[in-house]
Amino acid sequence: MLNWKLKWQVTTVLGVIFNAILLTFYLMVISAIWDFHTGRTIFGQPIATDFANYWTASSMALSGNPAAPYDINKLLGFQMKTFGASSPMGVGWYYPPTFLLIVLPLALLPYLPALFTWLTSTFAVESLILYKISPTANIFWLSVFSTGNFCNFLFGQNGYLSASFLGGGLLLLDTNPVAGGLLLGMMSYKPNLALLIPLALIAGRRWRALLSAGASALAMVLLSFMALGYQVWIEYWKISAVPMMLSAKIGPWSIMPTFYSTVLSLGFDLFTAYTVQCLVMAIVAFLVAWAWYREANFVLRASILTLGILLFTPYAFTYDLAILSLPLVWLWVDGQKNGRFPGETLLLFLGWISPFFTQIIWSLRLIPERKVQITSLILLALFFLAAAKVRNEIIAT
């Protein structure tokens, strides 16, 4: 008993020290990159560059022309006028109008207060969900301070929001399927991360949650019609920038943790990249459906779906890895209860740290052309780990 207590105390102290060092490091990175006096980064762009797109789009929509953000020339022109001629974001607005509806209130505030409101509110909800998964102090703070979360913070992106909808929906699914489905349906704001959710619900025969998710997604569409008008949807469907990027080998591969980008980063052609990505999608879809059909325990079902979402899409960035905190904590909890595979702890750590190294390689240009992407391989290993745990559970029962 004494040895167990001593081990627990040592682990707690080491955890506190590690989290303190990690937070200090994050603050140093932020202070080195962000200049709050000018509201810009050291690269001359607004703080939390991607959030500038959200704020710009909502500002244009509130000015009376909700369809304007889908015109890249108008969008960049507004950004240059607002943030300075040297600071257009260089990307368009490719989200569906349902997300424009979500961010619409942000432009009621000046830029930095809006950024603060956006990050703190979405981060608080995600943190609450992570606490519900594991209230253990060290694991909670490690998940809150995960490097995927930090990447989302630097960009001012929507990874916290995705983690909140996905994690909250999954946590409620067994006890309140209607509420869980409503939250999962909200993931339709980002279609590339929502495609596997209906498959899992169908395979798991979660009909009430499926209907609720469909109603939630449909309600968001109808609300966007009412608030923004039909023209905004017409302009949205005209946009083909994402398909163009995926068909023209254009893109920052080192911050796209997908097999599509991994294959291209290795120098292969588009056909090979599409072939590998489609093969991964087929494997992932099959194993997600299998795990949910066999009704594996909640932790493993949630883990395999969340990891599958990240692997299934050919289009994702490091800030989307904020949702990786969810399966990392779920798998850690499962390991504590049912034991770990050899090397499992190391693999969980690699999953935890990989978003940061991926981002650092890109930001600091540590590798020529920065076209290196191995995070997808770590995600696949974690996915197979979850699948192996499901298999062991089925055999045991």
Protein backbone atom coordinates (compact mmCIF):
# COMPACT_ATOMS: atom_id res chain seq x y z
CA MET A 1 0.00 0.00 0.00
CA LEU A 2 2.83 2.37 0.91
CA ASN A 3 4.60 1.74 -2.41
CA TRP A 4 1.37 2.40 -4.30
CA LYS A 5 0.83 5.69 -2.47
CA LEU A 6 4.44 6.73 -3.09
CA LYS A 7 4.14 5.90 -6.78
CA TRP A 8 0.91 7.90 -7.04
CA GLN A 9 2.51 10.91 -5.31
CA VAL A 10 5.60 10.81 -7.52
CA THR A 11 3.46 10.53 -10.64
CA THR A 12 1.33 13.47 -9.53
CA VAL A 13 4.35 15.68 -8.84
CA LEU A 14 5.98 14.79 -12.16
CA GLY A 15 2.70 15.47 -13.94
CA VAL A 16 2.40 18.90 -12.35
CA ILE A 17 5.99 19.75 -13.27
CA PHE A 18 5.56 18.56 -16.86
CA ASN A 19 2.33 20.49 -17.36
CA ALA A 20 3.88 23.63 -15.86
CA ILE A 21 6.87 23.35 -18.20
CA LEU A 22 4.57 22.70 -21.15
CA LEU A 23 2.37 25.72 -20.39
CA THR A 24 5.45 27.92 -19.94
CA PHE A 25 6.77 26.75 -23.31
CA TYR A 26 3.45 27.47 -25.00
CA LEU A 27 3.40 30.97 -23.54
CA MET A 28 6.94 31.55 -24.79
CA VAL A 29 5.96 30.46 -28.29
CA ILE A 30 2.91 32.74 -28.25
CA SER A 31 4.90 35.73 -26.96
CA ALA A 32 7.54 35.12 -29.64
CA ILE A 33 5.01 34.99 -32.48
CA TRP A 34 2.21 37.36 -31.40
CA ASP A 35 2.53 41.11 -30.86
CA PHE A 36 -0.54 42.32 -28.98
CA HIS A 37 0.45 45.98 -29.37
CA THR A 38 0.05 45.83 -33.14
CA GLY A 39 -2.41 42.93 -33.27
CA ARG A 40 -0.11 41.13 -35.71
CA THR A 41 2.22 38.17 -35.83
CA ILE A 42 5.92 38.42 -36.55
CA PHE A 43 4.99 37.46 -40.13
CA GLY A 44 2.95 40.65 -40.53
CA GLN A 45 -0.45 38.95 -40.46
CA PRO A 46 -3.23 39.39 -37.90
CA ILE A 47 -2.94 37.38 -34.69
CA ALA A 48 -4.57 33.94 -35.12
CA THR A 49 -4.51 34.28 -38.89
CA ASP A 50 -7.30 31.86 -39.76
CA PHE A 51 -9.69 33.53 -37.36
CA ALA A 52 -9.32 36.66 -39.45
CA ASN A 53 -11.21 34.77 -42.15
CA TYR A 54 -14.07 34.06 -39.72
CA TRP A 55 -14.25 37.64 -38.54
CA THR A 56 -14.03 39.01 -42.07
CA ALA A 57 -16.77 36.70 -43.38
CA SER A 58 -19.09 37.54 -40.50
CA SER A 59 -18.39 41.26 -40.92
CA MET A 60 -19.28 41.10 -44.60
CA ALA A 61 -22.42 39.10 -43.87
CA LEU A 62 -23.58 41.55 -41.19
CA SER A 63 -23.00 44.44 -43.58
CA GLY A 64 -25.90 43.10 -45.64
CA ASN A 65 -24.25 40.83 -48.22
CA PRO A 66 -23.94 37.27 -46.79
CA ALA A 67 -22.91 35.84 -50.16
CA ALA A 68 -19.93 38.21 -50.50
CA PRO A 69 -17.44 36.04 -48.53
CA TYR A 70 -17.72 33.35 -51.23
CA ASP A 71 -16.23 35.80 -53.75
CA ILE A 72 -12.53 35.52 -53.01
CA ASN A 73 -11.73 38.89 -54.58
CA LYS A 74 -14.26 40.66 -52.36
CA LEU A 75 -13.07 38.70 -49.34
CA LEU A 76 -9.39 39.48 -49.83
CA GLY A 77 -10.18 43.07 -50.69
CA PHE A 78 -12.08 43.48 -47.43
CA GLN A 79 -9.22 41.87 -45.51
CA MET A 80 -6.63 44.13 -47.08
CA LYS A 81 -8.74 47.18 -46.25
CA THR A 82 -9.31 46.03 -42.69
CA PHE A 83 -5.94 44.55 -41.75
CA GLY A 84 -3.61 46.41 -44.09
CA ALA A 85 -2.45 45.92 -47.66
CA SER A 86 0.33 43.56 -46.60
CA SER A 87 -1.99 41.17 -44.81
CA PRO A 88 -4.53 39.39 -47.02
CA MET A 89 -5.01 35.83 -45.83
CA GLY A 90 -4.60 34.41 -49.32
CA VAL A 91 -7.42 31.88 -48.89
CA GLY A 92 -11.12 31.98 -49.58
CA TRP A 93 -14.19 31.21 -47.52
CA TYR A 94 -15.07 27.57 -48.24
CA TYR A 95 -17.32 26.69 -45.31
CA PRO A 96 -21.03 26.01 -45.80
CA PRO A 97 -23.44 28.79 -44.78
CA THR A 98 -24.26 26.82 -41.62
CA PHE A 99 -20.85 27.71 -40.24
CA LEU A 100 -21.24 31.31 -41.38
CA LEU A 101 -24.39 31.33 -39.25
CA ILE A 102 -22.40 30.09 -36.22
CA VAL A 103 -19.68 32.76 -36.51
CA LEU A 104 -22.07 35.55 -37.51
CA PRO A 105 -22.13 37.25 -34.05
CA LEU A 106 -18.33 37.52 -33.91
CA ALA A 107 -18.21 40.70 -36.00
CA LEU A 108 -20.30 42.50 -33.37
CA LEU A 109 -17.01 42.78 -31.45
CA PRO A 110 -13.64 44.28 -32.48
CA TYR A 111 -11.14 41.74 -33.78
CA LEU A 112 -9.13 40.89 -30.66
CA PRO A 113 -12.13 40.74 -28.27
CA ALA A 114 -13.93 38.57 -30.83
CA LEU A 115 -10.90 36.26 -31.01
CA PHE A 116 -10.75 36.05 -27.21
CA THR A 117 -14.47 35.25 -27.03
CA TRP A 118 -14.23 32.61 -29.74
CA LEU A 119 -11.25 30.77 -28.28
CA THR A 120 -12.24 30.92 -24.63
CA SER A 121 -15.85 29.85 -25.17
CA THR A 122 -15.09 26.90 -27.43
CA PHE A 123 -12.05 25.89 -25.37
CA ALA A 124 -14.10 25.96 -22.15
CA VAL A 125 -16.69 23.58 -23.60
CA GLU A 126 -14.04 21.20 -24.93
CA SER A 127 -12.26 21.26 -21.56
CA LEU A 128 -15.49 20.37 -19.77
CA ILE A 129 -15.97 17.39 -22.08
CA LEU A 130 -12.39 16.21 -21.51
CA TYR A 131 -12.95 16.50 -17.77
CA LYS A 132 -16.08 14.37 -18.09
CA ILE A 133 -13.99 11.71 -19.85
CA SER A 134 -11.20 11.71 -17.29
CA PRO A 135 -11.39 13.91 -14.17
CA THR A 136 -7.90 12.74 -13.17
CA ALA A 137 -5.89 15.96 -12.83
CA ASN A 138 -2.73 15.03 -14.76
CA ILE A 139 -4.56 13.37 -17.66
CA PHE A 140 -7.07 16.21 -17.83
CA TRP A 141 -4.39 18.89 -18.07
CA LEU A 142 -2.34 16.86 -20.54
CA SER A 143 -5.39 16.60 -22.77
CA VAL A 144 -6.28 20.26 -22.37
CA PHE A 145 -2.68 21.25 -23.17
CA SER A 146 -2.38 18.74 -26.02
CA THR A 147 -0.33 19.91 -28.94
CA GLY A 148 -3.31 19.55 -31.27
CA ASN A 149 -5.20 22.01 -29.07
CA PHE A 150 -2.24 24.37 -29.15
CA CYS A 151 -2.11 24.30 -32.96
CA ASN A 152 -5.79 25.20 -33.02
CA PHE A 153 -5.10 28.07 -30.61
CA LEU A 154 -2.35 29.51 -32.80
CA PHE A 155 -4.61 29.56 -35.85
CA GLY A 156 -7.74 30.67 -33.99
CA GLN A 157 -9.47 27.78 -35.73
CA ASN A 158 -12.55 25.66 -35.08
CA GLY A 159 -10.91 22.52 -33.67
CA TYR A 160 -12.29 23.20 -30.18
CA LEU A 161 -15.76 23.53 -31.67
CA SER A 162 -15.43 20.23 -33.55
CA ALA A 163 -14.18 18.47 -30.41
CA SER A 164 -17.09 19.91 -28.44
CA PHE A 165 -19.77 18.77 -30.89
CA LEU A 166 -18.19 15.36 -31.45
CA GLY A 167 -17.16 14.63 -27.88
CA GLY A 168 -20.35 15.97 -26.37
CA GLY A 169 -22.51 14.07 -28.83
CA LEU A 170 -20.74 10.79 -28.19
CA LEU A 171 -20.83 11.20 -24.41
CA LEU A 172 -24.60 11.71 -24.52
CA LEU A 173 -25.34 9.02 -27.07
CA ASP A 174 -26.09 6.16 -24.66
CA THR A 175 -27.92 8.14 -21.96
CA ASN A 176 -29.70 10.74 -24.11
CA PRO A 177 -29.61 9.72 -27.78
CA VAL A 178 -31.73 12.65 -28.94
CA ALA A 179 -29.43 15.25 -27.37
CA GLY A 180 -26.36 13.30 -28.51
CA GLY A 181 -27.69 13.17 -32.06
CA LEU A 182 -28.40 16.90 -32.04
CA LEU A 183 -24.76 17.63 -31.20
CA LEU A 184 -23.43 15.12 -33.73
CA GLY A 185 -25.64 16.69 -36.38
CA MET A 186 -23.96 20.04 -35.71
CA MET A 187 -20.77 18.51 -37.12
CA SER A 188 -22.37 19.08 -40.54
CA TYR A 189 -20.90 22.58 -40.32
CA LYS A 190 -17.68 20.86 -41.41
CA PRO A 191 -18.77 18.13 -43.87
CA ASN A 192 -15.29 16.64 -44.36
CA LEU A 193 -15.31 15.61 -40.68
CA ALA A 194 -18.94 14.45 -40.53
CA LEU A 195 -19.10 11.75 -43.19
CA LEU A 196 -18.51 8.73 -40.93
CA ILE A 197 -21.00 9.72 -38.24
CA PRO A 198 -24.14 8.46 -40.07
CA LEU A 199 -22.35 5.19 -40.90
CA ALA A 200 -21.51 4.59 -37.23
CA LEU A 201 -25.04 5.39 -36.08
CA ILE A 202 -26.58 3.10 -38.71
CA ALA A 203 -24.17 0.25 -37.93
CA GLY A 204 -24.85 0.70 -34.22
CA ARG A 205 -28.61 0.80 -34.83
CA ARG A 206 -28.85 4.15 -33.06
CA TRP A 207 -32.00 5.19 -34.92
CA ARG A 208 -33.16 7.92 -32.54
CA ALA A 209 -29.73 9.52 -32.57
CA LEU A 210 -29.57 9.23 -36.36
CA LEU A 211 -32.94 10.95 -36.81
CA SER A 212 -31.96 13.60 -34.28
CA ALA A 213 -28.64 14.23 -36.06
CA GLY A 214 -30.44 14.55 -39.39
CA ALA A 215 -32.95 16.96 -37.89
CA SER A 216 -30.16 19.01 -36.36
CA ALA A 217 -28.28 19.30 -39.65
CA LEU A 218 -31.49 20.15 -41.53
CA ALA A 219 -32.46 22.76 -38.95
CA MET A 220 -29.09 24.47 -39.37
CA VAL A 221 -29.64 24.60 -43.13
CA LEU A 222 -33.13 26.06 -42.73
CA LEU A 223 -31.92 28.63 -40.21
CA SER A 224 -29.17 29.69 -42.60
CA PHE A 225 -31.77 30.12 -45.35
CA MET A 226 -33.89 32.29 -43.06
CA ALA A 227 -31.00 34.38 -41.72
CA LEU A 228 -28.74 34.62 -44.77
CA GLY A 229 -30.99 33.97 -47.77
CA TYR A 230 -30.86 31.37 -50.54
CA GLN A 231 -28.24 33.18 -52.64
CA VAL A 232 -25.54 32.33 -50.11
CA TRP A 233 -26.09 28.61 -50.79
CA ILE A 234 -25.91 29.15 -54.53
CA GLU A 235 -22.57 30.89 -54.15
CA TYR A 236 -21.33 28.16 -51.82
CA TRP A 237 -22.03 25.41 -54.33
CA LYS A 238 -20.19 27.34 -57.03
CA ILE A 239 -16.95 27.12 -55.09
CA SER A 240 -14.63 24.38 -56.26
CA ALA A 241 -11.40 25.49 -54.59
CA VAL A 242 -11.05 22.45 -52.32
CA PRO A 243 -11.61 19.92 -55.16
CA MET A 244 -9.24 21.99 -57.29
CA MET A 245 -6.58 21.83 -54.60
CA LEU A 246 -7.00 18.09 -54.22
CA SER A 247 -6.77 17.57 -57.98
CA ALA A 248 -3.87 19.89 -58.72
CA LYS A 249 -1.26 18.90 -56.10
CA ILE A 250 -1.57 22.32 -54.49
CA GLY A 251 -1.34 22.50 -50.75
CA PRO A 252 0.79 22.72 -47.60
CA TRP A 253 1.25 18.96 -47.26
CA SER A 254 3.25 19.17 -44.05
CA ILE A 255 0.28 20.50 -42.09
CA MET A 256 -2.30 18.20 -43.72
CA PRO A 257 -2.28 14.97 -41.66
CA THR A 258 -3.98 12.83 -44.31
CA PHE A 259 -2.81 9.87 -46.37
CA TYR A 260 -3.54 11.83 -49.52
CA SER A 261 -0.97 14.45 -48.49
CA THR A 262 1.46 11.83 -47.15
CA VAL A 263 1.62 10.05 -50.50
CA LEU A 264 2.07 13.32 -52.40
CA SER A 265 4.78 14.43 -49.96
CA LEU A 266 6.73 11.29 -50.87
CA GLY A 267 6.74 12.32 -54.53
CA PHE A 268 4.03 10.03 -55.91
CA ASP A 269 1.48 11.15 -58.48
CA LEU A 270 -2.16 12.09 -57.97
CA PHE A 271 -3.49 8.69 -59.04
CA THR A 272 -1.41 6.94 -56.41
CA ALA A 273 -2.44 9.49 -53.77
CA TYR A 274 -6.13 9.01 -54.56
CA THR A 275 -5.74 5.24 -54.65
CA VAL A 276 -4.07 5.05 -51.26
CA GLN A 277 -6.54 7.50 -49.73
CA CYS A 278 -9.51 5.50 -51.09
CA LEU A 279 -8.00 2.26 -49.74
CA VAL A 280 -7.59 3.84 -46.29
CA MET A 281 -11.15 5.18 -46.45
CA ALA A 282 -12.51 1.71 -47.26
CA ILE A 283 -10.59 0.06 -44.41
CA VAL A 284 -11.57 2.77 -41.95
CA ALA A 285 -15.26 2.68 -42.93
CA PHE A 286 -15.37 -1.12 -42.60
CA LEU A 287 -13.72 -1.19 -39.16
CA VAL A 288 -15.82 1.68 -37.81
CA ALA A 289 -19.02 -0.07 -38.96
CA TRP A 290 -17.75 -3.39 -37.51
CA ALA A 291 -16.93 -1.90 -34.10
CA TRP A 292 -20.29 -0.15 -33.84
CA TYR A 293 -22.23 -3.15 -35.15
CA ARG A 294 -20.58 -5.45 -32.59
CA GLU A 295 -21.46 -2.91 -29.90
CA ALA A 296 -17.98 -2.61 -28.44
CA ASN A 297 -17.77 -0.72 -25.16
CA PHE A 298 -18.36 3.01 -25.43
CA VAL A 299 -14.73 4.09 -24.98
CA LEU A 300 -13.53 1.93 -27.87
CA ARG A 301 -16.49 2.80 -30.13
CA ALA A 302 -15.90 6.50 -29.54
CA SER A 303 -12.14 6.17 -30.08
CA ILE A 304 -12.37 4.23 -33.33
CA LEU A 305 -14.95 6.64 -34.76
CA THR A 306 -13.00 9.77 -33.83
CA LEU A 307 -9.73 8.42 -35.20
CA GLY A 308 -11.58 7.13 -38.25
CA ILE A 309 -12.94 10.62 -38.95
CA LEU A 310 -9.40 12.01 -39.08
CA LEU A 311 -8.22 9.20 -41.38
CA PHE A 312 -11.25 9.13 -43.66
CA THR A 313 -10.99 12.68 -44.93
CA PRO A 314 -8.37 13.65 -47.52
CA TYR A 315 -8.71 17.27 -46.40
CA ALA A 316 -7.71 18.19 -42.86
CA PHE A 317 -5.11 20.37 -41.14
CA THR A 318 -3.19 20.29 -37.86
CA TYR A 319 -5.78 22.41 -36.09
CA ASP A 320 -8.34 19.65 -36.75
CA LEU A 321 -6.19 17.46 -34.52
CA ALA A 322 -7.71 19.22 -31.53
CA ILE A 323 -10.26 16.40 -31.67
CA LEU A 324 -7.40 13.91 -31.28
CA SER A 325 -7.48 14.74 -27.55
CA LEU A 326 -10.71 12.76 -27.30
CA PRO A 327 -9.48 9.30 -28.42
CA LEU A 328 -6.14 9.77 -26.67
CA VAL A 329 -7.92 10.21 -23.33
CA TRP A 330 -10.44 7.46 -24.06
CA LEU A 331 -7.67 5.01 -24.95
CA TRP A 332 -5.72 5.99 -21.85
CA VAL A 333 -8.78 5.36 -19.70
CA ASP A 334 -9.31 1.98 -21.38
CA GLY A 335 -5.66 1.04 -20.79
CA GLN A 336 -5.98 1.83 -17.09
CA LYS A 337 -9.02 -0.41 -16.82
CA ASN A 338 -8.20 -3.29 -19.17
CA GLY A 339 -4.41 -3.18 -19.55
CA ARG A 340 -2.16 -1.90 -22.31
CA PHE A 341 -0.53 -3.43 -25.34
CA PRO A 342 3.30 -3.38 -25.57
CA GLY A 343 4.35 0.06 -26.76
CA GLU A 344 0.86 1.52 -26.30
CA THR A 345 1.97 4.30 -23.96
CA LEU A 346 4.66 5.38 -26.43
CA LEU A 347 2.14 5.39 -29.27
CA LEU A 348 -0.26 7.55 -27.25
CA PHE A 349 2.58 9.98 -26.55
CA LEU A 350 3.49 10.13 -30.25
CA GLY A 351 -0.13 10.91 -31.03
CA TRP A 352 -0.10 13.63 -28.40
CA ILE A 353 3.13 15.30 -29.59
CA SER A 354 2.92 14.81 -33.37
CA PRO A 355 0.65 17.82 -34.16
CA PHE A 356 3.18 20.19 -32.62
CA PHE A 357 6.17 18.81 -34.50
CA THR A 358 4.15 18.83 -37.70
CA GLN A 359 3.35 22.49 -37.13
CA ILE A 360 6.91 23.42 -36.14
CA ILE A 361 8.31 21.82 -39.31
CA TRP A 362 5.93 23.96 -41.31
CA SER A 363 6.25 27.23 -39.41
CA LEU A 364 10.02 27.28 -38.96
CA ARG A 365 10.80 25.64 -42.31
CA LEU A 366 13.08 23.09 -40.68
CA ILE A 367 12.89 20.79 -43.71
CA PRO A 368 13.38 21.99 -47.31
CA GLU A 369 10.03 22.62 -49.00
CA ARG A 370 8.36 21.45 -45.74
CA LYS A 371 6.64 18.63 -47.63
CA VAL A 372 6.86 16.01 -44.90
CA GLN A 373 3.84 14.35 -43.31
CA ILE A 374 3.99 11.31 -41.03
CA THR A 375 1.18 12.18 -38.61
CA SER A 376 -1.24 10.16 -40.73
CA LEU A 377 0.84 7.04 -40.01
CA ILE A 378 0.58 7.65 -36.27
CA LEU A 379 -3.18 8.16 -36.60
CA LEU A 380 -3.45 4.86 -38.47
CA ALA A 381 -1.45 3.07 -35.77
CA LEU A 382 -3.75 4.49 -33.08
CA PHE A 383 -6.78 3.44 -35.15
CA PHE A 384 -5.51 -0.14 -35.43
CA LEU A 385 -4.75 -0.09 -31.70
CA ALA A 386 -8.41 0.74 -31.01
CA ALA A 387 -9.52 -1.95 -33.48
CA ALA A 388 -7.28 -4.53 -31.80
CA LYS A 389 -8.79 -3.66 -28.43
CA VAL A 390 -12.27 -4.15 -29.89
CA ARG A 391 -11.19 -7.55 -31.24
CA ASN A 392 -9.82 -8.60 -27.85
CA GLU A 393 -13.05 -7.53 -26.17
CA ILE A 394 -15.14 -9.56 -28.64
CA ILE A 395 -12.95 -12.64 -28.13
CA ALA A 396 -13.17 -12.26 -24.34
CA THR A 397 -16.96 -12.21 -24.45
